[in-house]
N, C-alpha and C. Protein backbone atom coordinates (compact mmCIF):
# COMPACT_ATOMS: atom_id res chain seq x y z
N UNK A 1 6.30 -57.72 -18.87
CA UNK A 1 6.31 -56.91 -19.47
C UNK A 1 6.96 -57.23 -20.94
N UNK A 2 6.86 -56.28 -21.74
CA UNK A 2 6.98 -56.75 -23.35
C UNK A 2 8.42 -56.19 -23.73
N UNK A 3 9.07 -57.38 -24.87
CA UNK A 3 10.20 -56.77 -24.83
C UNK A 3 10.58 -56.14 -26.53
N UNK A 4 11.47 -56.01 -26.82
CA UNK A 4 11.89 -55.41 -28.07
C UNK A 4 11.72 -56.38 -29.39
N UNK A 5 12.12 -57.41 -28.72
CA UNK A 5 11.90 -58.87 -29.77
C UNK A 5 10.42 -59.35 -29.83
N UNK A 6 9.51 -59.09 -28.90
CA UNK A 6 8.09 -59.20 -28.90
C UNK A 6 7.61 -58.00 -29.97
N UNK A 7 7.92 -57.06 -29.61
CA UNK A 7 7.38 -56.18 -30.61
C UNK A 7 7.61 -56.02 -31.90
N UNK A 8 9.12 -56.46 -32.18
CA UNK A 8 9.50 -56.75 -33.78
C UNK A 8 8.89 -57.69 -34.12
N UNK A 9 8.85 -58.96 -33.62
CA UNK A 9 7.77 -60.12 -34.31
C UNK A 9 6.74 -59.57 -34.26
N UNK A 10 5.85 -58.93 -34.00
CA UNK A 10 4.42 -58.40 -34.09
C UNK A 10 4.55 -57.29 -35.17
N UNK A 11 5.64 -56.56 -35.07
CA UNK A 11 5.96 -55.53 -36.53
C UNK A 11 6.02 -56.59 -37.63
N UNK A 12 6.55 -57.30 -37.79
CA UNK A 12 7.07 -58.08 -38.97
C UNK A 12 5.89 -58.70 -39.63
N UNK A 13 4.69 -58.60 -39.09
CA UNK A 13 3.60 -59.20 -39.45
C UNK A 13 2.59 -58.12 -40.28
N UNK A 14 3.14 -56.57 -40.25
CA UNK A 14 2.38 -56.06 -40.71
C UNK A 14 2.99 -55.37 -42.18
N UNK A 15 2.33 -55.67 -43.16
CA UNK A 15 2.90 -55.67 -44.71
C UNK A 15 2.17 -54.35 -45.00
N UNK A 16 0.82 -53.62 -44.50
CA UNK A 16 0.29 -52.51 -45.08
C UNK A 16 -0.35 -51.92 -43.80
N UNK A 17 -1.08 -50.66 -44.09
CA UNK A 17 -1.92 -50.14 -43.14
C UNK A 17 -3.21 -50.96 -42.92
N UNK A 18 -3.60 -51.81 -43.59
CA UNK A 18 -4.49 -53.05 -43.63
C UNK A 18 -4.51 -53.85 -42.45
N UNK A 19 -3.33 -54.03 -42.32
CA UNK A 19 -2.91 -54.93 -40.77
C UNK A 19 -2.51 -54.24 -39.62
N UNK A 20 -2.67 -52.81 -39.70
CA UNK A 20 -2.84 -52.10 -38.56
C UNK A 20 -3.46 -52.42 -37.02
N UNK A 21 -4.73 -52.77 -37.44
CA UNK A 21 -5.84 -53.10 -36.20
C UNK A 21 -5.14 -54.40 -35.34
N UNK A 22 -5.13 -55.51 -36.22
CA UNK A 22 -4.57 -56.57 -35.76
C UNK A 22 -3.17 -56.43 -34.76
N UNK A 23 -2.07 -55.65 -35.42
CA UNK A 23 -1.31 -55.50 -34.74
C UNK A 23 -1.40 -54.58 -33.61
N UNK A 24 -2.23 -53.68 -33.60
CA UNK A 24 -2.59 -53.01 -32.47
C UNK A 24 -3.11 -53.90 -30.93
N UNK A 25 -3.96 -54.79 -31.68
CA UNK A 25 -4.62 -55.93 -30.71
C UNK A 25 -3.61 -56.68 -30.00
N UNK A 26 -2.31 -57.02 -31.36
CA UNK A 26 -1.24 -57.65 -30.44
C UNK A 26 0.01 -57.28 -29.49
N UNK A 27 -0.06 -56.19 -29.64
CA UNK A 27 1.05 -55.46 -28.84
C UNK A 27 -0.06 -54.61 -27.62
N UNK A 28 -1.30 -54.39 -27.58
CA UNK A 28 -2.13 -54.17 -26.67
C UNK A 28 -2.05 -55.52 -25.37
N UNK A 29 -2.14 -56.53 -26.08
CA UNK A 29 -2.26 -57.95 -25.06
C UNK A 29 -0.65 -58.15 -24.33
N UNK A 30 0.37 -57.61 -25.26
CA UNK A 30 1.58 -57.52 -24.41
C UNK A 30 1.91 -56.72 -23.31
N UNK A 31 0.75 -55.86 -22.96
CA UNK A 31 1.40 -54.75 -22.32
C UNK A 31 1.56 -53.27 -22.56
N UNK A 32 1.37 -53.00 -23.92
CA UNK A 32 1.75 -51.51 -24.45
C UNK A 32 0.37 -50.73 -24.18
N UNK A 33 0.91 -49.63 -23.53
CA UNK A 33 -0.52 -48.73 -23.32
C UNK A 33 -0.40 -47.68 -24.23
N UNK A 34 0.56 -47.22 -24.72
CA UNK A 34 0.89 -46.27 -26.13
C UNK A 34 1.99 -46.42 -26.50
N UNK A 35 1.91 -45.44 -27.74
CA UNK A 35 3.42 -45.34 -28.55
C UNK A 35 3.70 -44.43 -29.50
N UNK A 36 4.82 -44.07 -29.91
CA UNK A 36 4.81 -42.99 -30.32
C UNK A 36 5.92 -43.12 -31.63
N UNK A 37 5.43 -42.86 -32.71
CA UNK A 37 6.24 -43.31 -34.12
C UNK A 37 6.65 -41.98 -34.90
N UNK A 38 8.12 -41.77 -34.88
CA UNK A 38 8.68 -40.71 -35.29
C UNK A 38 9.02 -40.96 -36.37
N UNK A 39 8.33 -39.90 -37.63
CA UNK A 39 8.91 -40.06 -38.87
C UNK A 39 10.43 -40.09 -39.92
N UNK A 40 11.11 -38.86 -38.98
CA UNK A 40 12.43 -38.48 -39.28
C UNK A 40 13.08 -40.00 -39.63
N UNK A 41 13.13 -40.50 -38.15
CA UNK A 41 14.04 -41.76 -38.28
C UNK A 41 13.65 -42.92 -38.18
N UNK A 42 12.00 -43.00 -38.10
CA UNK A 42 11.48 -44.47 -37.74
C UNK A 42 11.46 -44.80 -36.32
N UNK A 43 11.96 -44.37 -35.40
CA UNK A 43 12.21 -45.14 -34.27
C UNK A 43 10.51 -45.01 -33.52
N UNK A 44 10.45 -45.89 -32.77
CA UNK A 44 9.08 -45.80 -32.04
C UNK A 44 9.44 -46.44 -30.50
N UNK A 45 8.78 -45.32 -29.63
CA UNK A 45 9.06 -45.82 -28.20
C UNK A 45 7.56 -46.15 -28.01
N UNK A 46 7.62 -47.59 -27.32
CA UNK A 46 6.81 -48.20 -26.58
C UNK A 46 6.36 -47.99 -25.29
N UNK A 47 5.31 -47.66 -24.81
CA UNK A 47 5.29 -47.23 -23.28
C UNK A 47 4.23 -48.38 -22.69
N UNK A 48 4.79 -48.68 -21.46
CA UNK A 48 3.61 -49.58 -20.68
C UNK A 48 3.56 -49.10 -19.17
N UNK A 49 2.74 -49.87 -18.57
CA UNK A 49 2.48 -49.38 -17.12
C UNK A 49 3.71 -49.12 -16.46
N UNK A 50 3.87 -48.57 -15.14
CA UNK A 50 5.13 -48.24 -14.42
C UNK A 50 6.50 -47.48 -15.16
N UNK A 51 5.88 -46.62 -16.02
CA UNK A 51 7.08 -45.74 -16.67
C UNK A 51 7.99 -46.62 -17.54
N UNK A 52 7.17 -47.89 -18.01
CA UNK A 52 8.40 -48.95 -18.79
C UNK A 52 8.18 -48.38 -20.01
N UNK A 53 9.52 -48.29 -20.78
CA UNK A 53 9.62 -47.98 -21.97
C UNK A 53 10.61 -48.90 -22.54
N UNK A 54 10.52 -49.42 -24.03
CA UNK A 54 11.15 -50.07 -24.92
C UNK A 54 11.00 -49.00 -26.40
N UNK A 55 12.47 -48.90 -26.99
CA UNK A 55 12.98 -47.99 -27.75
C UNK A 55 13.02 -48.93 -28.94
N UNK A 56 12.17 -48.97 -29.96
CA UNK A 56 12.86 -50.15 -31.17
C UNK A 56 13.01 -48.86 -32.47
N UNK A 57 14.39 -49.20 -32.86
CA UNK A 57 14.95 -48.61 -34.02
C UNK A 57 14.71 -49.31 -35.40
N UNK A 58 14.38 -48.35 -35.95
CA UNK A 58 13.99 -48.78 -37.70
C UNK A 58 15.58 -48.22 -38.67
N UNK A 59 15.84 -49.43 -39.62
CA UNK A 59 17.06 -48.69 -40.34
C UNK A 59 16.59 -48.51 -41.78
N UNK A 60 16.65 -47.10 -41.98
CA UNK A 60 16.48 -46.35 -43.09
C UNK A 60 17.01 -44.98 -43.48
N UNK A 61 17.43 -44.58 -44.24
CA UNK A 61 17.98 -42.96 -44.55
C UNK A 61 16.85 -42.11 -43.76
N UNK A 62 17.56 -41.25 -43.31
CA UNK A 62 17.00 -40.16 -42.26
C UNK A 62 16.00 -39.56 -43.33
N UNK A 63 14.74 -39.02 -42.84
CA UNK A 63 13.52 -38.51 -43.76
C UNK A 63 13.92 -36.89 -43.39
N UNK A 64 13.49 -36.14 -44.22
CA UNK A 64 13.29 -34.44 -43.85
C UNK A 64 11.92 -34.12 -43.60
N UNK A 65 11.58 -33.66 -42.82
CA UNK A 65 10.31 -33.66 -42.56
C UNK A 65 9.99 -32.00 -43.02
N UNK A 66 8.87 -31.72 -44.05
CA UNK A 66 8.74 -30.43 -44.53
C UNK A 66 8.19 -29.52 -43.34
N UNK A 67 8.79 -28.40 -43.65
CA UNK A 67 8.21 -27.18 -42.82
C UNK A 67 6.97 -26.74 -42.65
N UNK A 68 6.15 -26.86 -43.78
CA UNK A 68 4.52 -26.47 -43.75
C UNK A 68 3.73 -28.18 -43.83
N UNK A 69 2.58 -27.99 -43.53
CA UNK A 69 1.70 -29.08 -43.32
C UNK A 69 0.60 -29.07 -44.41
N UNK A 70 0.46 -30.07 -44.87
CA UNK A 70 -0.48 -30.21 -46.05
C UNK A 70 -1.26 -31.32 -45.56
N UNK A 71 -2.33 -30.86 -44.71
CA UNK A 71 -3.05 -31.96 -44.19
C UNK A 71 -4.00 -32.74 -45.39
N UNK A 72 -4.32 -32.25 -46.23
CA UNK A 72 -5.21 -32.56 -47.10
C UNK A 72 -4.84 -33.77 -47.72
N UNK A 73 -3.48 -33.32 -48.33
CA UNK A 73 -2.67 -34.58 -49.15
C UNK A 73 -2.36 -35.45 -47.97
N UNK A 74 -2.08 -35.32 -46.91
CA UNK A 74 -1.83 -36.20 -45.70
C UNK A 74 -2.80 -37.32 -45.75
N UNK A 75 -4.21 -36.57 -45.57
CA UNK A 75 -5.18 -37.52 -45.35
C UNK A 75 -5.68 -38.45 -46.40
N UNK A 76 -5.53 -37.71 -47.76
CA UNK A 76 -5.63 -38.61 -48.90
C UNK A 76 -4.62 -39.83 -48.75
N UNK A 77 -3.26 -39.50 -48.57
CA UNK A 77 -2.01 -40.46 -48.82
C UNK A 77 -2.48 -41.68 -47.39
N UNK A 78 -2.91 -40.94 -46.52
CA UNK A 78 -3.13 -41.97 -45.35
C UNK A 78 -4.25 -43.04 -45.60
N UNK A 79 -5.19 -42.67 -46.35
CA UNK A 79 -6.45 -42.96 -46.67
C UNK A 79 -5.87 -44.57 -47.89
N UNK A 80 -5.09 -44.08 -48.59
CA UNK A 80 -4.55 -45.30 -49.80
C UNK A 80 -3.61 -46.15 -48.56
N UNK A 81 -2.82 -45.67 -47.85
CA UNK A 81 -1.84 -46.59 -47.12
C UNK A 81 -2.90 -47.77 -46.24
N UNK A 82 -4.02 -47.00 -45.60
CA UNK A 82 -4.83 -47.78 -44.86
C UNK A 82 -5.88 -49.08 -45.88
N UNK A 83 -5.93 -48.83 -46.97
CA UNK A 83 -6.17 -49.69 -47.74
C UNK A 83 -5.43 -50.54 -48.06
N UNK A 84 -4.05 -50.61 -47.79
CA UNK A 84 -3.12 -51.40 -47.87
C UNK A 84 -2.28 -51.41 -49.51
N UNK A 85 -2.30 -50.03 -50.21
CA UNK A 85 -1.75 -49.96 -51.03
C UNK A 85 -0.54 -49.08 -51.13
N UNK A 86 0.06 -49.13 -49.92
CA UNK A 86 1.44 -48.70 -49.82
C UNK A 86 2.25 -49.66 -48.70
N UNK A 87 3.45 -49.59 -48.84
CA UNK A 87 4.25 -49.95 -47.90
C UNK A 87 4.55 -48.94 -46.53
N UNK A 88 5.15 -49.62 -45.29
CA UNK A 88 5.61 -48.62 -44.25
C UNK A 88 6.62 -47.39 -44.63
N UNK A 89 7.43 -47.83 -45.55
CA UNK A 89 8.76 -46.81 -45.93
C UNK A 89 7.95 -45.76 -46.87
N UNK A 90 6.82 -46.08 -47.83
CA UNK A 90 6.28 -44.90 -48.77
C UNK A 90 5.31 -44.42 -47.84
N UNK A 91 4.86 -44.70 -47.02
CA UNK A 91 3.92 -44.31 -46.35
C UNK A 91 4.85 -43.04 -44.99
N UNK A 92 5.87 -43.36 -44.75
CA UNK A 92 6.62 -42.67 -43.85
C UNK A 92 7.00 -41.42 -44.82
N UNK A 93 7.59 -41.88 -45.97
CA UNK A 93 8.26 -40.72 -46.99
C UNK A 93 6.79 -39.50 -47.28
N UNK A 94 5.59 -39.98 -47.55
CA UNK A 94 4.40 -39.33 -47.57
C UNK A 94 4.29 -38.34 -46.37
N UNK A 95 4.48 -39.02 -45.37
CA UNK A 95 4.36 -38.37 -44.04
C UNK A 95 5.34 -37.24 -43.65
N UNK A 96 6.46 -37.28 -44.26
CA UNK A 96 7.74 -36.70 -43.94
C UNK A 96 7.08 -35.34 -45.24
N UNK A 97 6.93 -35.65 -46.38
CA UNK A 97 6.60 -34.68 -47.22
C UNK A 97 5.38 -33.64 -47.25
N UNK A 98 4.22 -34.19 -46.15
CA UNK A 98 3.12 -33.66 -45.99
C UNK A 98 3.37 -32.66 -44.31
N UNK A 99 4.77 -32.96 -43.97
CA UNK A 99 4.89 -32.15 -42.75
C UNK A 99 4.32 -32.81 -41.31
N UNK A 100 4.23 -34.05 -41.36
CA UNK A 100 4.04 -34.87 -40.21
C UNK A 100 5.10 -35.39 -39.49
N UNK A 101 5.44 -35.06 -38.04
CA UNK A 101 6.57 -35.22 -37.61
C UNK A 101 6.27 -36.47 -36.38
N UNK A 102 5.42 -36.79 -36.27
CA UNK A 102 5.17 -38.29 -35.40
C UNK A 102 3.73 -38.58 -35.43
N UNK A 103 3.51 -39.49 -34.67
CA UNK A 103 2.22 -40.00 -34.50
C UNK A 103 2.17 -40.97 -33.04
N UNK A 104 1.00 -40.58 -32.58
CA UNK A 104 1.06 -41.57 -31.25
C UNK A 104 -0.27 -42.18 -31.34
N UNK A 105 -0.25 -43.56 -31.03
CA UNK A 105 -1.53 -44.44 -30.73
C UNK A 105 -1.44 -44.84 -29.09
N UNK A 106 -2.68 -44.59 -28.75
CA UNK A 106 -3.21 -44.56 -27.66
C UNK A 106 -3.91 -46.10 -27.45
N UNK A 107 -3.93 -46.94 -26.80
CA UNK A 107 -4.52 -48.38 -26.86
C UNK A 107 -6.05 -48.07 -25.96
N UNK A 108 -6.11 -47.16 -24.64
CA UNK A 108 -7.12 -47.12 -23.95
C UNK A 108 -8.15 -46.19 -24.88
N UNK A 109 -7.97 -45.33 -25.68
CA UNK A 109 -8.54 -44.88 -26.26
C UNK A 109 -8.97 -45.27 -27.69
N UNK A 110 -8.10 -46.44 -28.30
CA UNK A 110 -8.07 -47.05 -29.57
C UNK A 110 -7.92 -45.89 -30.55
N UNK A 111 -7.21 -44.85 -30.20
CA UNK A 111 -6.68 -43.82 -31.11
C UNK A 111 -5.26 -43.55 -32.04
N UNK A 112 -5.38 -43.05 -32.78
CA UNK A 112 -4.15 -42.78 -33.50
C UNK A 112 -4.45 -41.22 -33.88
N UNK A 113 -3.38 -40.27 -33.44
CA UNK A 113 -3.00 -39.02 -33.33
C UNK A 113 -2.02 -38.82 -34.26
N UNK A 114 -1.97 -37.73 -35.16
CA UNK A 114 -0.83 -37.19 -35.88
C UNK A 114 -0.30 -35.84 -35.91
N UNK A 115 0.71 -35.80 -35.79
CA UNK A 115 1.07 -33.96 -35.06
C UNK A 115 2.22 -33.64 -36.17
N UNK A 116 2.48 -32.22 -36.30
CA UNK A 116 3.26 -31.77 -37.02
C UNK A 116 4.38 -31.26 -36.28
N UNK A 117 5.42 -30.58 -36.93
CA UNK A 117 6.64 -30.15 -36.39
C UNK A 117 6.57 -29.07 -35.25
N UNK A 118 5.41 -28.81 -35.16
CA UNK A 118 5.15 -27.73 -34.17
C UNK A 118 4.44 -28.40 -32.83
N UNK A 119 3.91 -29.46 -32.86
CA UNK A 119 3.30 -30.18 -32.16
C UNK A 119 1.97 -30.19 -32.43
N UNK A 120 1.47 -29.32 -33.02
CA UNK A 120 -0.05 -29.37 -33.69
C UNK A 120 -1.00 -30.66 -33.98
N UNK A 121 -1.73 -30.94 -33.42
CA UNK A 121 -2.50 -32.12 -33.91
C UNK A 121 -3.17 -31.91 -35.26
N UNK A 122 -2.81 -33.08 -36.24
CA UNK A 122 -3.21 -32.80 -37.34
C UNK A 122 -4.28 -33.55 -37.76
N UNK A 123 -4.52 -34.61 -37.23
CA UNK A 123 -5.40 -35.55 -37.43
C UNK A 123 -5.83 -36.63 -36.44
N UNK A 124 -6.81 -37.02 -35.61
CA UNK A 124 -6.93 -37.63 -34.77
C UNK A 124 -8.10 -38.72 -35.56
N UNK A 125 -7.59 -40.19 -35.34
CA UNK A 125 -8.87 -41.07 -35.69
C UNK A 125 -8.92 -42.27 -34.80
N UNK A 126 -9.99 -42.79 -34.72
CA UNK A 126 -10.03 -43.99 -33.78
C UNK A 126 -9.43 -45.21 -34.74
N UNK A 127 -9.11 -46.08 -34.00
CA UNK A 127 -8.59 -47.22 -34.56
C UNK A 127 -9.67 -48.35 -34.67
N UNK A 128 -10.05 -49.08 -36.02
CA UNK A 128 -11.07 -50.32 -36.05
C UNK A 128 -10.78 -51.42 -35.16
N UNK A 129 -11.49 -51.73 -34.37
CA UNK A 129 -11.37 -52.73 -33.77
C UNK A 129 -11.64 -54.08 -34.36
C-alpha cells in the first residue's frame, strides 16, 4: 500500500493545475482509489482498498469557507488554475471565497467532484487521461 512519504513525493511535482492529470496517474499506480481534499485546512484523506487510509496534512493558515456558493466564479477560477496560471494556495483561497468546502477525486471514474458546505455537488468533471 501507499505511504504518506510516497504521496508527498508525488504532490511535490504538482506546480499548477496543468500537472494534475500526471499526479492522478501516479497516485493511482500506488493504489489510491479515491481521495478528499478539504479546503479549510488543506488536509487530504487518501483511500485505498480494504479501508486503508492515509491523511496528509498541509501547513498553511486556516481558510474561512464562504457561507454562500458562487458556482460561476468558482468555474472561472478553476479554468484559470487548470491552465497552469495559479498555484495550489491561490486555488484553495479562490475555492474558499466561492464557498467550496472540499473535492473528491475517484480514480475508477477518473472524476473530480466539488462540494459546498452543505454537501451539495457544485461541479463534477472528468480528469483528462
